[in-house]
Protein backbone atom coordinates (compact mmCIF):
# COMPACT_ATOMS: atom_id res chain seq x y z
CA MET A 1 28.73 7.05 -36.02
CA LYS A 2 30.70 9.94 -37.62
CA LYS A 3 27.61 12.12 -37.28
CA ASP A 4 27.42 11.41 -33.50
CA ILE A 5 31.12 12.20 -33.00
CA LEU A 6 30.72 15.45 -34.99
CA ILE A 7 27.73 16.49 -32.84
CA ILE A 8 29.62 15.69 -29.61
CA CYS A 9 32.63 17.74 -30.81
CA LEU A 10 30.37 20.68 -31.71
CA ILE A 11 28.70 20.54 -28.30
CA LEU A 12 32.10 20.44 -26.56
CA LEU A 13 33.33 23.40 -28.62
CA LEU A 14 30.17 25.33 -27.77
CA VAL A 15 30.56 24.55 -24.04
CA ILE A 16 34.23 25.63 -24.12
CA PHE A 17 33.35 28.83 -26.01
CA VAL A 18 30.57 29.72 -23.58
CA ALA A 19 32.68 28.84 -20.51
CA ASN A 20 35.59 31.02 -21.69
CA GLY A 21 33.35 34.02 -22.32
CA THR A 22 31.24 33.68 -19.19
CA GLU A 23 32.33 34.69 -15.73
CA ILE A 24 30.69 32.34 -13.25
CA GLN A 25 30.30 33.75 -9.75
CA SER A 26 28.56 32.67 -6.59
CA VAL A 27 25.99 35.06 -5.12
CA GLU A 28 28.54 36.07 -2.47
CA GLU A 29 31.21 36.78 -5.10
CA TYR A 30 28.73 38.91 -7.05
CA TYR A 31 27.88 41.02 -4.01
CA LEU A 32 31.53 41.39 -3.07
CA THR A 33 32.49 42.63 -6.54
CA HIS A 34 29.43 44.65 -7.54
CA ILE A 35 28.24 46.37 -4.38
CA ASP A 36 30.35 49.45 -5.03
CA ASP A 37 29.45 49.90 -8.70
CA ILE A 38 28.25 53.48 -8.14
CA LYS A 39 27.83 55.38 -11.38
CA GLU A 40 26.98 59.03 -11.90
CA ASP A 41 23.27 58.25 -12.38
CA SER A 42 23.04 55.63 -9.60
CA GLU A 43 20.58 56.15 -6.79
CA THR A 44 22.40 55.62 -3.52
CA VAL A 45 21.89 55.40 0.23
CA PHE A 46 24.26 55.73 3.17
CA ILE A 47 24.50 53.24 6.00
CA SER A 48 26.44 52.94 9.26
CA ILE A 49 26.39 50.39 12.09
CA ARG A 50 27.38 51.35 15.62
CA CYS A 51 27.24 50.00 19.14
CA ASP A 52 28.82 52.83 21.15
CA SER A 53 26.10 52.68 23.82
CA VAL A 54 27.64 49.39 24.98
CA LEU A 55 30.77 51.28 26.02
CA SER A 56 28.84 53.17 28.70
CA HIS A 57 26.99 49.99 29.76
CA TYR A 58 30.02 47.71 29.67
CA ASP A 59 29.26 46.24 33.11
CA MET A 60 26.00 44.81 31.69
CA LEU A 61 27.69 43.22 28.65
CA ASP A 62 27.70 39.43 28.33
CA PRO A 63 31.14 38.29 29.60
CA SER A 64 31.78 36.24 26.44
CA LEU A 65 31.72 39.48 24.42
CA LYS A 66 34.34 41.21 26.57
CA LYS A 67 37.16 39.41 24.75
CA ASP A 68 39.60 41.50 22.73
CA GLY A 69 38.46 42.24 19.20
CA VAL A 70 34.76 41.45 19.62
CA LEU A 71 33.61 44.97 20.50
CA PRO A 72 35.12 47.81 18.47
CA ALA A 73 37.06 50.19 20.75
CA ASP A 74 35.11 53.20 19.44
CA GLY A 75 31.81 51.35 19.06
CA MET A 76 31.79 51.81 15.26
CA ILE A 77 31.19 48.51 13.48
CA LEU A 78 30.78 50.15 10.06
CA PRO A 79 31.43 53.82 9.40
CA LYS A 80 29.00 55.69 7.17
CA ASN A 81 29.41 54.47 3.58
CA GLU A 82 27.51 54.97 0.34
CA TYR A 83 25.91 52.03 -1.47
CA VAL A 84 23.83 51.59 -4.62
CA LEU A 85 20.07 51.58 -4.11
CA ARG A 86 18.18 49.07 -6.22
CA GLU A 87 14.50 49.39 -7.05
CA GLY A 88 12.35 48.22 -4.15
CA ASP A 89 15.25 47.98 -1.67
CA THR A 90 14.29 47.99 1.99
CA VAL A 91 16.42 48.83 5.01
CA PHE A 92 16.92 45.09 5.51
CA ASP A 93 18.00 44.53 1.88
CA ILE A 94 20.77 47.12 2.24
CA LEU A 95 21.85 45.77 5.64
CA SER A 96 22.01 42.25 4.26
CA ARG A 97 24.14 43.25 1.26
CA VAL A 98 26.42 45.49 3.32
CA THR A 99 27.08 42.90 6.03
CA ARG A 100 27.89 40.25 3.42
CA HIS A 101 30.11 42.66 1.49
CA ASN A 102 32.03 43.70 4.61
CA ARG A 103 31.97 40.20 6.10
CA ILE A 104 30.16 41.37 9.23
CA GLN A 105 28.25 38.65 11.05
CA MET A 106 24.48 39.23 11.00
CA GLU A 107 21.64 37.00 12.13
CA TYR A 108 17.94 37.63 11.71
CA GLN A 109 14.55 36.07 12.20
CA GLY A 110 12.38 35.86 9.09
CA ALA A 111 9.11 37.75 8.82
CA ASP A 112 7.22 34.46 8.78
CA LYS A 113 8.68 33.52 12.18
CA ASN A 114 7.22 36.38 14.23
CA GLY A 115 3.98 38.28 14.70
CA PHE A 116 5.27 41.58 13.29
CA GLY A 117 5.30 40.59 9.62
CA SER A 118 8.83 41.92 9.22
CA VAL A 119 12.34 40.59 9.53
CA HIS A 120 13.79 41.02 13.01
CA VAL A 121 17.54 41.61 13.24
CA GLU A 122 18.69 39.50 16.17
CA GLY A 123 22.43 40.16 16.05
CA ILE A 124 25.15 42.07 14.24
CA ASN A 125 28.87 41.51 14.83
CA TYR A 126 27.97 38.89 17.50
CA LEU A 127 26.08 41.50 19.53
CA TYR A 128 22.54 40.19 20.03
CA SER A 129 19.30 41.29 21.64
CA PHE A 130 19.78 41.05 25.43
CA SER A 131 23.62 40.82 25.16
CA CYS A 132 23.84 44.01 27.21
CA GLY A 133 20.83 43.83 29.49
CA PRO A 134 17.11 43.04 29.28
CA LEU A 135 16.30 46.16 27.21
CA SER A 136 19.14 45.81 24.71
CA GLY A 137 18.95 45.15 20.99
CA TRP A 138 19.28 46.61 17.52
CA THR A 139 17.24 49.50 16.18
CA TYR A 140 17.53 51.65 13.09
CA THR A 141 16.83 55.16 11.91
CA VAL A 142 16.35 56.60 8.45
CA ASN A 143 17.37 60.22 8.05
CA GLY A 144 17.73 60.53 11.83
CA LYS A 145 14.20 59.40 12.67
CA THR A 146 12.81 56.08 13.87
CA ALA A 147 10.77 54.46 11.16
CA GLY A 148 7.96 52.88 13.16
CA VAL A 149 7.92 49.79 10.91
CA GLY A 150 10.10 46.72 10.62
CA CYS A 151 13.28 46.93 8.59
CA SER A 152 12.00 44.68 5.79
CA LEU A 153 8.93 46.89 5.34
CA TYR A 154 10.67 50.27 5.05
CA GLU A 155 11.32 50.97 1.36
CA LEU A 156 14.20 53.38 0.77
CA SER A 157 14.59 56.42 -1.47
CA ASP A 158 17.61 57.98 -3.11
CA GLY A 159 19.86 59.74 -0.59
CA ASP A 160 18.40 58.12 2.54
CA VAL A 161 20.78 57.75 5.50
CA ILE A 162 20.36 54.53 7.47
CA GLU A 163 21.85 54.06 10.93
CA TRP A 164 21.81 50.73 12.74
CA ILE A 165 22.33 51.43 16.42
CA TYR A 166 22.64 49.05 19.35
CA THR A 167 20.70 50.22 22.39
CA CYS A 168 21.05 49.01 25.97
CA GLU A 169 17.97 50.83 27.33
CA LEU A 170 15.28 50.42 24.66
CA GLY A 171 16.54 53.51 22.82
CA GLU A 172 16.61 55.89 25.78
CA ASP A 173 20.42 55.72 25.91
CA ILE A 174 21.11 56.64 22.29
CA ALA A 175 20.53 59.32 19.70
CA SER A 176 20.91 59.23 15.94
CA SER A 177 23.87 61.00 14.39
CA GLU A 178 21.35 63.73 13.57
CA GLY A 179 20.87 64.24 17.33
CA GLU A 180 17.34 62.80 17.38
CA SER A 181 16.37 60.74 20.44
CA ILE A 182 15.65 57.14 19.47
CA GLY A 183 13.56 56.03 22.48
CA GLY A 184 11.44 52.93 21.84
CA GLY A 185 12.68 52.05 18.34
CA GLY A 186 12.87 48.54 16.95
CA SER A 187 14.21 46.46 14.13
């Protein structure tokens, strides 16, 4: 009997010791606190998210999105920021972490749910494919050029610059910040 009580007390002490020295975080808390841990030797990428093409196609925009606060006045959902690149990160991995960190709504279709074998980004900041006409949707560039592959297939390198851009005319209405025409891109 005394032996059992002693073992239970030791287990409780061990649990208390471990709990006091361990910081328990949810996955979301981890990403919110560790996304900006850029050190001198960290590999990094830059990412921005914009929808400025909607401003010149405002008449085509879904009426439910014309409410105040839904569409940024300048079309910039996320200005260019630097984030840590982890080994094997894809364009989608960075977008996923960044939208969670900045609490930006993002919805996607998994690679197993379409014929392209890649994740398809359906909506960011409540702006979805076809929200601004039949040719509208999200596309991305890396270093000012369209990638030609889905966002979950494009593996990034140190220093890459990712731009997520909403198009209203299948890319013909937008250019990357590098001035490159996007025409025909996809997510």
